[in-house]
Amino acid sequence: MLILRLPALLVAIEIALGIGACLVTGNRNYLRFSARLFKYSPLIALIFLGPMALERLIVMV
């Protein structure tokens, strides 16, 4: 489970660093990058965690 939590933690850190970099430098590209990460991270999580959830459902049935 730790292996699955680590990428989520890294994405959260990357989003925070991108927002911080935007505030420090004033470069909006960092903010756009953070927004894209925030937008697509649930989709990527569903792609990777969906099969695991289906596997648990199959085992339960």
Protein backbone atom coordinates (compact mmCIF):
# COMPACT_ATOMS: atom_id res chain seq x y z
CA MET A 1 0.00 0.00 0.00
CA LEU A 2 2.91 2.31 0.65
CA ILE A 3 3.92 2.00 -2.99
CA LEU A 4 0.48 3.32 -4.01
CA ARG A 5 0.53 6.20 -1.53
CA LEU A 6 3.96 7.44 -2.55
CA PRO A 7 2.95 8.64 -6.07
CA ALA A 8 -0.08 10.43 -4.61
CA LEU A 9 2.14 12.18 -2.09
CA LEU A 10 4.63 13.12 -4.81
CA VAL A 11 1.86 14.58 -6.99
CA ALA A 12 0.58 16.65 -4.06
CA ILE A 13 4.11 17.93 -3.40
CA GLU A 14 4.58 18.76 -7.09
CA ILE A 15 1.32 20.72 -7.17
CA ALA A 16 2.31 22.67 -4.05
CA LEU A 17 5.79 23.38 -5.42
CA GLY A 18 4.33 24.55 -8.73
CA ILE A 19 2.01 26.98 -6.97
CA GLY A 20 4.87 28.17 -4.79
CA ALA A 21 7.13 28.64 -7.80
CA CYS A 22 4.41 30.67 -9.49
CA LEU A 23 4.08 32.90 -6.45
CA VAL A 24 7.84 33.41 -6.15
CA THR A 25 8.74 33.92 -9.81
CA GLY A 26 5.48 35.22 -11.23
CA ASN A 27 5.78 32.77 -14.13
CA ARG A 28 2.29 31.47 -14.95
CA ASN A 29 3.65 28.30 -16.59
CA TYR A 30 4.20 26.78 -13.16
CA LEU A 31 0.58 27.44 -12.26
CA ARG A 32 -0.62 25.87 -15.51
CA PHE A 33 1.53 22.82 -14.83
CA SER A 34 0.04 22.49 -11.34
CA ALA A 35 -3.47 22.87 -12.73
CA ARG A 36 -2.83 20.12 -15.30
CA LEU A 37 -1.48 17.82 -12.60
CA PHE A 38 -4.53 18.53 -10.43
CA LYS A 39 -6.86 17.96 -13.38
CA TYR A 40 -5.43 14.67 -14.61
CA SER A 41 -4.28 13.02 -11.38
CA PRO A 42 -7.75 11.55 -10.55
CA LEU A 43 -7.92 10.04 -14.04
CA ILE A 44 -4.50 8.44 -13.68
CA ALA A 45 -5.44 7.19 -10.21
CA LEU A 46 -8.57 5.54 -11.61
CA ILE A 47 -6.56 3.89 -14.36
CA PHE A 48 -4.11 2.38 -11.88
CA LEU A 49 -6.40 1.74 -8.91
CA GLY A 50 -9.48 0.64 -10.88
CA PRO A 51 -8.14 -2.83 -11.73
CA MET A 52 -7.12 -3.31 -8.11
CA ALA A 53 -10.63 -2.47 -6.93
CA LEU A 54 -12.12 -4.85 -9.51
CA GLU A 55 -9.76 -7.57 -8.35
CA ARG A 56 -10.98 -7.15 -4.77
CA LEU A 57 -14.58 -7.30 -5.91
CA ILE A 58 -13.94 -10.47 -7.89
CA VAL A 59 -12.22 -12.09 -4.90
CA MET A 60 -15.16 -11.19 -2.64
CA VAL A 61 -17.70 -12.78 -4.99
